[in-house]
Amino acid sequence: MSQNNTPNQSRRQDAQDILPDSARVSTTSHSSQDDDASEHHKKDNMAHSHTLQHSHSPEDSHANPHVDSHHPDDHIKATEELDNDDLPEEISEEDKETIKKVAGDDNLSQAKSYASILVEQVIHAKETFERSLGSLFTSAFTAGLEIGISFFVILSAFALLNDVLPSRYAMVLSSLLYPIGFIIVVIGQSLLFTEQTSLLSLPVLNKIEPLHKLLRLWGIVIAGNIVGGCLFAALMIGLGLHMHLFTDHAIDAYAEHILGFEWWVIFGSAVLAGWMMGVAAWLVTSARDTLSRIVLVSIITGSIGFLGLHHSIVGNIEVFSALLYGNTVSLWHYLIFLVVVLVGNTVGGVVFVAVLKNRTFLFEIERVKEQAAEARAEVDRRRF
């Protein structure tokens, strides 16, 4: 990518790169049933299309002071503003209209389509791939610190409730505070491994980015999350002990709640947690406003906390805190737990979300192609 490219030009190139091979072959608009209808359909689409080039050009910004050429929501509108220039030249005009119909999403009263969500997520992922290593690590480190707020509040609530309720009920009720750190991370757009797992794998699944770059990116995000989480555990959990918000017995009890299973049970629980986090990332992209995203994150992550599922980054803080300040966790137990949960979260996010959602989009492209072929056959039959 040329260094002279503007951010909008980069997003337009991303939108072009996102199209899979099956979408680059000849596909025809539903309106091809007759020539007049096809022409009318094209004009209608062009009338409702707000292209990246025209809506954000420097000339327009001077002409209309209300137009911000660097609006933070530009990337969200990328699939709504696909123009003919964003698509490969070898694709016919009718084919371009079909692809825009699949990926476009102009009706704000309806849910976003599979295609528009997928394209938007891949654009986000490609922007992440293009960030510097220092920026990636800093963002991941910040997420590791921020996610620790969930455990700090949960542990304080557990210690308080444990004095008046049986330990099991105190554990479940305090776990309902699980979403706090996730809301901070997701809305603040820090890099959290489980929330980004499925997202970052999409460019690789679509053969836009190589696998080795994904593995390097995962390594940076995981390292930043773990270092940030361990630092939070060392400082803030120690602070909570001195503030008498909880005791070392509460820390040990929570660690036992996390570690008290066979390794294969922990792995299965981590797969489910990774799956749910991938779904959360998908639903956050499908939402059109911040309030909806907060509600979705709260529901999904609150369910993870309520069920006691194993999340690698929060679990790292929970178990590392017991390693530092408790009496029951060894370094070996901590390391084995971390590896098993990281692998489980990765499998859940990639296999059950990214792969299946990506395949759904490809099937949608094939469906449109088949319908277009049937429309062409019908037109030919009527003509002859």
Foldseek 3Di string as FASTA:
>chain_A
DDPPDDPLSVLLLLLQLLDFPLLQDAFFFLQVLDDVSLVVLLVVLVVQADALPPQQPPVVCVVDVVRDNPDPCVLLCSLQHHDPVSYDPVYDPRSSSLVSVLQHDRDPVDWHHLNVLLSSLQSVLVVLLPDDLVVLLVLLLVLLQLQLVLVLQLLLQLQVVVVPDPNVVSQLVSLLSNLRSVLCCVVVVRDALLLCLLSNCQCCVSVNDPPVSSVVSSVSNVVSNLVSLLVNLVPVVVVCCVVVSHALVSLVVVLCLQLVDDLVVLLQLLLVLSLLSLVLSSVLSRDDDSVSNSVSSSVSSSVNSNVVRDALSNSSNSQSSCCVHYDDHDPVSSVSSNVSSVVSSNNNNHVNHNVVSVVVSSVVSVVSRVSSVVSVVSSVVVVD
